[in-house]
Amino acid sequence: MPSVTPEAVGLEPGTRLVAYLRFPGETRFSQAAARAEVQDDGTFTWQRRTGKRTSVYFSTEDGSVSSERIIIPGR
């Protein structure tokens, strides 16, 4: 079954992933502009610099596969 965690499982290399972000005090996730792409080894890299704690999840562009929500602590 396809999944997205720190690495993508069952997704073809080149599959584009969309990040959705939610900052403290916000009630909805917002789509990030940048996309991550699954590499040949199943990994992907995405980064965003922020000083705020951020909740993030990833989804394929068609929305058929998505990750669990993760929390990135602020700096």
PDB file of N, CA and C in Angstrom:
ATOM      1  N   MET A   1       0.840  -1.171   0.000  1.00  0.00           N
ATOM      2  CA  MET A   1       0.000   0.000   0.000  1.00  0.00           C
ATOM      3  C   MET A   1       0.890   1.240   0.000  1.00  0.00           C
ATOM      4  N   PRO A   2       0.636   2.212  -0.865  1.00  0.00           N
ATOM      5  CA  PRO A   2       1.455   3.421  -0.903  1.00  0.00           C
ATOM      6  C   PRO A   2       1.338   4.219   0.393  1.00  0.00           C
ATOM      7  N   SER A   3       2.433   4.841   0.793  1.00  0.00           N
ATOM      8  CA  SER A   3       2.404   5.689   1.983  1.00  0.00           C
ATOM      9  C   SER A   3       3.466   6.772   1.876  1.00  0.00           C
ATOM     10  N   VAL A   4       3.306   7.801   2.682  1.00  0.00           N
ATOM     11  CA  VAL A   4       4.275   8.885   2.755  1.00  0.00           C
ATOM     12  C   VAL A   4       4.612   9.077   4.221  1.00  0.00           C
ATOM     13  N   THR A   5       5.857   8.872   4.577  1.00  0.00           N
ATOM     14  CA  THR A   5       6.367   9.122   5.920  1.00  0.00           C
ATOM     15  C   THR A   5       7.661   9.889   5.697  1.00  0.00           C
ATOM     16  N   PRO A   6       8.716   9.687   6.489  1.00  0.00           N
ATOM     17  CA  PRO A   6       9.969  10.332   6.107  1.00  0.00           C
ATOM     18  C   PRO A   6      10.460   9.869   4.739  1.00  0.00           C
ATOM     19  N   GLU A   7       9.917   8.755   4.248  1.00  0.00           N
ATOM     20  CA  GLU A   7      10.185   8.370   2.873  1.00  0.00           C
ATOM     21  C   GLU A   7       8.891   7.852   2.254  1.00  0.00           C
ATOM     22  N   ALA A   8       8.831   7.866   0.943  1.00  0.00           N
ATOM     23  CA  ALA A   8       7.635   7.416   0.237  1.00  0.00           C
ATOM     24  C   ALA A   8       7.751   5.922  -0.054  1.00  0.00           C
ATOM     25  N   VAL A   9       6.687   5.175   0.159  1.00  0.00           N
ATOM     26  CA  VAL A   9       6.659   3.741  -0.113  1.00  0.00           C
ATOM     27  C   VAL A   9       5.570   3.484  -1.142  1.00  0.00           C
ATOM     28  N   GLY A  10       5.929   2.796  -2.219  1.00  0.00           N
ATOM     29  CA  GLY A  10       4.945   2.429  -3.233  1.00  0.00           C
ATOM     30  C   GLY A  10       4.601   3.548  -4.198  1.00  0.00           C
ATOM     31  N   LEU A  11       5.320   4.654  -4.133  1.00  0.00           N
ATOM     32  CA  LEU A  11       5.086   5.750  -5.080  1.00  0.00           C
ATOM     33  C   LEU A  11       6.211   5.765  -6.106  1.00  0.00           C
ATOM     34  N   GLU A  12       5.872   5.997  -7.347  1.00  0.00           N
ATOM     35  CA  GLU A  12       6.858   6.024  -8.421  1.00  0.00           C
ATOM     36  C   GLU A  12       7.842   7.173  -8.240  1.00  0.00           C
ATOM     37  N   PRO A  13       9.120   6.961  -8.587  1.00  0.00           N
ATOM     38  CA  PRO A  13      10.057   8.087  -8.607  1.00  0.00           C
ATOM     39  C   PRO A  13       9.497   9.189  -9.507  1.00  0.00           C
ATOM     40  N   GLY A  14       9.663  10.410  -9.075  1.00  0.00           N
ATOM     41  CA  GLY A  14       9.136  11.545  -9.832  1.00  0.00           C
ATOM     42  C   GLY A  14       7.763  11.999  -9.368  1.00  0.00           C
ATOM     43  N   THR A  15       7.099  11.193  -8.519  1.00  0.00           N
ATOM     44  CA  THR A  15       5.809  11.609  -7.976  1.00  0.00           C
ATOM     45  C   THR A  15       6.011  12.899  -7.183  1.00  0.00           C
ATOM     46  N   ARG A  16       5.173  13.868  -7.443  1.00  0.00           N
ATOM     47  CA  ARG A  16       5.292  15.152  -6.743  1.00  0.00           C
ATOM     48  C   ARG A  16       4.387  15.156  -5.514  1.00  0.00           C
ATOM     49  N   LEU A  17       4.952  15.655  -4.409  1.00  0.00           N
ATOM     50  CA  LEU A  17       4.229  15.734  -3.147  1.00  0.00           C
ATOM     51  C   LEU A  17       3.977  17.187  -2.791  1.00  0.00           C
ATOM     52  N   VAL A  18       2.817  17.453  -2.247  1.00  0.00           N
ATOM     53  CA  VAL A  18       2.406  18.790  -1.823  1.00  0.00           C
ATOM     54  C   VAL A  18       2.451  18.830  -0.298  1.00  0.00           C
ATOM     55  N   ALA A  19       3.030  19.884   0.254  1.00  0.00           N
ATOM     56  CA  ALA A  19       3.043  20.070   1.709  1.00  0.00           C
ATOM     57  C   ALA A  19       1.886  20.980   2.105  1.00  0.00           C
ATOM     58  N   TYR A  20       1.252  20.654   3.217  1.00  0.00           N
ATOM     59  CA  TYR A  20       0.195  21.482   3.793  1.00  0.00           C
ATOM     60  C   TYR A  20       0.637  21.884   5.195  1.00  0.00           C
ATOM     61  N   LEU A  21       0.552  23.169   5.511  1.00  0.00           N
ATOM     62  CA  LEU A  21       1.074  23.725   6.758  1.00  0.00           C
ATOM     63  C   LEU A  21      -0.031  24.333   7.599  1.00  0.00           C
ATOM     64  N   ARG A  22       0.153  24.250   8.916  1.00  0.00           N
ATOM     65  CA  ARG A  22      -0.736  24.958   9.835  1.00  0.00           C
ATOM     66  C   ARG A  22       0.119  25.493  10.982  1.00  0.00           C
ATOM     67  N   PHE A  23       0.068  26.801  11.160  1.00  0.00           N
ATOM     68  CA  PHE A  23       0.825  27.466  12.213  1.00  0.00           C
ATOM     69  C   PHE A  23      -0.053  27.640  13.455  1.00  0.00           C
ATOM     70  N   PRO A  24       0.561  27.868  14.621  1.00  0.00           N
ATOM     71  CA  PRO A  24      -0.221  28.072  15.849  1.00  0.00           C
ATOM     72  C   PRO A  24      -1.264  29.176  15.673  1.00  0.00           C
ATOM     73  N   GLY A  25      -2.454  28.945  16.189  1.00  0.00           N
ATOM     74  CA  GLY A  25      -3.540  29.917  16.099  1.00  0.00           C
ATOM     75  C   GLY A  25      -4.372  29.797  14.837  1.00  0.00           C
ATOM     76  N   GLU A  26      -3.892  29.042  13.849  1.00  0.00           N
ATOM     77  CA  GLU A  26      -4.659  28.843  12.627  1.00  0.00           C
ATOM     78  C   GLU A  26      -5.545  27.607  12.774  1.00  0.00           C
ATOM     79  N   THR A  27      -6.686  27.622  12.108  1.00  0.00           N
ATOM     80  CA  THR A  27      -7.612  26.490  12.208  1.00  0.00           C
ATOM     81  C   THR A  27      -7.567  25.578  10.989  1.00  0.00           C
ATOM     82  N   ARG A  28      -6.919  26.028   9.921  1.00  0.00           N
ATOM     83  CA  ARG A  28      -6.852  25.241   8.686  1.00  0.00           C
ATOM     84  C   ARG A  28      -5.421  25.081   8.208  1.00  0.00           C
ATOM     85  N   PHE A  29      -5.207  24.009   7.454  1.00  0.00           N
ATOM     86  CA  PHE A  29      -3.933  23.818   6.775  1.00  0.00           C
ATOM     87  C   PHE A  29      -3.962  24.614   5.471  1.00  0.00           C
ATOM     88  N   SER A  30      -2.816  25.191   5.103  1.00  0.00           N
ATOM     89  CA  SER A  30      -2.672  25.919   3.845  1.00  0.00           C
ATOM     90  C   SER A  30      -1.654  25.202   2.970  1.00  0.00           C
ATOM     91  N   GLN A  31      -1.919  25.145   1.692  1.00  0.00           N
ATOM     92  CA  GLN A  31      -1.023  24.474   0.754  1.00  0.00           C
ATOM     93  C   GLN A  31       0.238  25.301   0.555  1.00  0.00           C
ATOM     94  N   ALA A  32       1.396  24.672   0.666  1.00  0.00           N
ATOM     95  CA  ALA A  32       2.676  25.347   0.407  1.00  0.00           C
ATOM     96  C   ALA A  32       2.911  25.426  -1.092  1.00  0.00           C
ATOM     97  N   ALA A  33       3.658  26.423  -1.526  1.00  0.00           N
ATOM     98  CA  ALA A  33       3.919  26.604  -2.951  1.00  0.00           C
ATOM     99  C   ALA A  33       4.930  25.585  -3.488  1.00  0.00           C
ATOM    100  N   ALA A  34       5.962  25.271  -2.711  1.00  0.00           N
ATOM    101  CA  ALA A  34       7.020  24.372  -3.175  1.00  0.00           C
ATOM    102  C   ALA A  34       6.537  22.922  -3.159  1.00  0.00           C
ATOM    103  N   ARG A  35       7.059  22.120  -4.074  1.00  0.00           N
ATOM    104  CA  ARG A  35       6.731  20.704  -4.164  1.00  0.00           C
ATOM    105  C   ARG A  35       7.982  19.878  -3.889  1.00  0.00           C
ATOM    106  N   ALA A  36       7.797  18.708  -3.310  1.00  0.00           N
ATOM    107  CA  ALA A  36       8.884  17.744  -3.146  1.00  0.00           C
ATOM    108  C   ALA A  36       8.670  16.658  -4.194  1.00  0.00           C
ATOM    109  N   GLU A  37       9.754  16.038  -4.625  1.00  0.00           N
ATOM    110  CA  GLU A  37       9.649  14.986  -5.634  1.00  0.00           C
ATOM    111  C   GLU A  37      10.298  13.716  -5.101  1.00  0.00           C
ATOM    112  N   VAL A  38       9.590  12.594  -5.247  1.00  0.00           N
ATOM    113  CA  VAL A  38      10.107  11.305  -4.797  1.00  0.00           C
ATOM    114  C   VAL A  38      11.295  10.914  -5.673  1.00  0.00           C
ATOM    115  N   GLN A  39      12.412  10.573  -5.035  1.00  0.00           N
ATOM    116  CA  GLN A  39      13.630  10.173  -5.734  1.00  0.00           C
ATOM    117  C   GLN A  39      13.619   8.666  -6.005  1.00  0.00           C
ATOM    118  N   ASP A  40      14.615   8.182  -6.738  1.00  0.00           N
ATOM    119  CA  ASP A  40      14.699   6.761  -7.083  1.00  0.00           C
ATOM    120  C   ASP A  40      14.748   5.853  -5.857  1.00  0.00           C
ATOM    121  N   ASP A  41      15.347   6.335  -4.757  1.00  0.00           N
ATOM    122  CA  ASP A  41      15.461   5.503  -3.554  1.00  0.00           C
ATOM    123  C   ASP A  41      14.268   5.654  -2.606  1.00  0.00           C
ATOM    124  N   GLY A  42      13.225   6.387  -3.026  1.00  0.00           N
ATOM    125  CA  GLY A  42      12.017   6.549  -2.220  1.00  0.00           C
ATOM    126  C   GLY A  42      12.046   7.718  -1.263  1.00  0.00           C
ATOM    127  N   THR A  43      13.167   8.431  -1.194  1.00  0.00           N
ATOM    128  CA  THR A  43      13.251   9.576  -0.292  1.00  0.00           C
ATOM    129  C   THR A  43      12.773  10.841  -1.000  1.00  0.00           C
ATOM    130  N   PHE A  44      12.496  11.853  -0.207  1.00  0.00           N
ATOM    131  CA  PHE A  44      12.191  13.170  -0.752  1.00  0.00           C
ATOM    132  C   PHE A  44      12.690  14.204   0.246  1.00  0.00           C
ATOM    133  N   THR A  45      12.978  15.395  -0.249  1.00  0.00           N
ATOM    134  CA  THR A  45      13.477  16.471   0.596  1.00  0.00           C
ATOM    135  C   THR A  45      12.596  17.693   0.415  1.00  0.00           C
ATOM    136  N   TRP A  46      12.235  18.281   1.517  1.00  0.00           N
ATOM    137  CA  TRP A  46      11.446  19.515   1.507  1.00  0.00           C
ATOM    138  C   TRP A  46      11.883  20.306   2.720  1.00  0.00           C
ATOM    139  N   GLN A  47      12.060  21.593   2.561  1.00  0.00           N
ATOM    140  CA  GLN A  47      12.441  22.389   3.720  1.00  0.00           C
ATOM    141  C   GLN A  47      11.772  23.744   3.680  1.00  0.00           C
ATOM    142  N   ARG A  48      11.530  24.250   4.846  1.00  0.00           N
ATOM    143  CA  ARG A  48      10.971  25.592   5.001  1.00  0.00           C
ATOM    144  C   ARG A  48      11.545  26.145   6.294  1.00  0.00           C
ATOM    145  N   ARG A  49      12.053  27.334   6.231  1.00  0.00           N
ATOM    146  CA  ARG A  49      12.618  27.966   7.412  1.00  0.00           C
ATOM    147  C   ARG A  49      11.522  28.761   8.115  1.00  0.00           C
ATOM    148  N   THR A  50      11.331  28.481   9.378  1.00  0.00           N
ATOM    149  CA  THR A  50      10.318  29.200  10.140  1.00  0.00           C
ATOM    150  C   THR A  50      10.726  29.255  11.600  1.00  0.00           C
ATOM    151  N   GLY A  51      10.330  30.291  12.272  1.00  0.00           N
ATOM    152  CA  GLY A  51      10.596  30.417  13.691  1.00  0.00           C
ATOM    153  C   GLY A  51       9.425  29.947  14.531  1.00  0.00           C
ATOM    154  N   LYS A  52       8.372  29.485  13.866  1.00  0.00           N
ATOM    155  CA  LYS A  52       7.164  29.062  14.567  1.00  0.00           C
ATOM    156  C   LYS A  52       7.025  27.550  14.529  1.00  0.00           C
ATOM    157  N   ARG A  53       6.413  27.007  15.557  1.00  0.00           N
ATOM    158  CA  ARG A  53       6.046  25.593  15.533  1.00  0.00           C
ATOM    159  C   ARG A  53       5.051  25.409  14.390  1.00  0.00           C
ATOM    160  N   THR A  54       5.225  24.350  13.614  1.00  0.00           N
ATOM    161  CA  THR A  54       4.411  24.154  12.427  1.00  0.00           C
ATOM    162  C   THR A  54       3.908  22.718  12.347  1.00  0.00           C
ATOM    163  N   SER A  55       2.635  22.539  12.054  1.00  0.00           N
ATOM    164  CA  SER A  55       2.089  21.216  11.758  1.00  0.00           C
ATOM    165  C   SER A  55       2.116  21.038  10.247  1.00  0.00           C
ATOM    166  N   VAL A  56       2.560  19.874   9.784  1.00  0.00           N
ATOM    167  CA  VAL A  56       2.728  19.634   8.350  1.00  0.00           C
ATOM    168  C   VAL A  56       2.212  18.245   8.003  1.00  0.00           C
ATOM    169  N   TYR A  57       1.615  18.115   6.824  1.00  0.00           N
ATOM    170  CA  TYR A  57       1.392  16.785   6.247  1.00  0.00           C
ATOM    171  C   TYR A  57       1.625  16.883   4.756  1.00  0.00           C
ATOM    172  N   PHE A  58       1.926  15.759   4.141  1.00  0.00           N
ATOM    173  CA  PHE A  58       2.201  15.702   2.709  1.00  0.00           C
ATOM    174  C   PHE A  58       1.136  14.874   2.019  1.00  0.00           C
ATOM    175  N   SER A  59       0.857  15.219   0.771  1.00  0.00           N
ATOM    176  CA  SER A  59      -0.116  14.494  -0.032  1.00  0.00           C
ATOM    177  C   SER A  59       0.387  14.440  -1.469  1.00  0.00           C
ATOM    178  N   THR A  60       0.010  13.385  -2.192  1.00  0.00           N
ATOM    179  CA  THR A  60       0.288  13.378  -3.626  1.00  0.00           C
ATOM    180  C   THR A  60      -0.564  14.480  -4.265  1.00  0.00           C
ATOM    181  N   GLU A  61      -0.172  14.928  -5.435  1.00  0.00           N
ATOM    182  CA  GLU A  61      -0.909  16.025  -6.077  1.00  0.00           C
ATOM    183  C   GLU A  61      -2.377  15.689  -6.319  1.00  0.00           C
ATOM    184  N   ASP A  62      -2.683  14.422  -6.575  1.00  0.00           N
ATOM    185  CA  ASP A  62      -4.082  14.046  -6.803  1.00  0.00           C
ATOM    186  C   ASP A  62      -4.828  13.753  -5.500  1.00  0.00           C
ATOM    187  N   GLY A  63      -4.114  13.805  -4.359  1.00  0.00           N
ATOM    188  CA  GLY A  63      -4.743  13.614  -3.064  1.00  0.00           C
ATOM    189  C   GLY A  63      -5.039  12.165  -2.701  1.00  0.00           C
ATOM    190  N   SER A  64      -4.574  11.209  -3.523  1.00  0.00           N
ATOM    191  CA  SER A  64      -4.903   9.805  -3.267  1.00  0.00           C
ATOM    192  C   SER A  64      -4.109   9.195  -2.110  1.00  0.00           C
ATOM    193  N   VAL A  65      -2.941   9.744  -1.790  1.00  0.00           N
ATOM    194  CA  VAL A  65      -2.101   9.232  -0.703  1.00  0.00           C
ATOM    195  C   VAL A  65      -1.637  10.415   0.122  1.00  0.00           C
ATOM    196  N   SER A  66      -1.766  10.315   1.444  1.00  0.00           N
ATOM    197  CA  SER A  66      -1.264  11.401   2.285  1.00  0.00           C
ATOM    198  C   SER A  66      -0.618  10.837   3.539  1.00  0.00           C
ATOM    199  N   SER A  67       0.189  11.665   4.162  1.00  0.00           N
ATOM    200  CA  SER A  67       0.922  11.255   5.354  1.00  0.00           C
ATOM    201  C   SER A  67       0.126  11.580   6.604  1.00  0.00           C
ATOM    202  N   GLU A  68       0.627  11.086   7.716  1.00  0.00           N
ATOM    203  CA  GLU A  68       0.136  11.524   9.009  1.00  0.00           C
ATOM    204  C   GLU A  68       0.651  12.945   9.244  1.00  0.00           C
ATOM    205  N   ARG A  69       0.026  13.667  10.119  1.00  0.00           N
ATOM    206  CA  ARG A  69       0.476  15.014  10.466  1.00  0.00           C
ATOM    207  C   ARG A  69       1.718  14.908  11.336  1.00  0.00           C
ATOM    208  N   ILE A  70       2.701  15.755  11.075  1.00  0.00           N
ATOM    209  CA  ILE A  70       3.889  15.826  11.907  1.00  0.00           C
ATOM    210  C   ILE A  70       4.022  17.249  12.434  1.00  0.00           C
ATOM    211  N   ILE A  71       4.731  17.411  13.525  1.00  0.00           N
ATOM    212  CA  ILE A  71       4.938  18.738  14.096  1.00  0.00           C
ATOM    213  C   ILE A  71       6.414  19.076  14.045  1.00  0.00           C
ATOM    214  N   ILE A  72       6.734  20.220  13.466  1.00  0.00           N
ATOM    215  CA  ILE A  72       8.106  20.716  13.390  1.00  0.00           C
ATOM    216  C   ILE A  72       8.233  21.808  14.434  1.00  0.00           C
ATOM    217  N   PRO A  73       9.125  21.644  15.415  1.00  0.00           N
ATOM    218  CA  PRO A  73       9.270  22.681  16.446  1.00  0.00           C
ATOM    219  C   PRO A  73       9.871  23.954  15.856  1.00  0.00           C
ATOM    220  N   GLY A  74       9.510  25.108  16.403  1.00  0.00           N
ATOM    221  CA  GLY A  74      10.098  26.373  15.967  1.00  0.00           C
ATOM    222  C   GLY A  74      11.517  26.496  16.460  1.00  0.00           C
ATOM    223  N   ARG A  75      12.270  27.380  15.850  1.00  0.00           N
ATOM    224  CA  ARG A  75      13.653  27.609  16.264  1.00  0.00           C
ATOM    225  C   ARG A  75      13.743  28.766  17.186  1.00  0.00           C
TER     226      ARG A  75
END
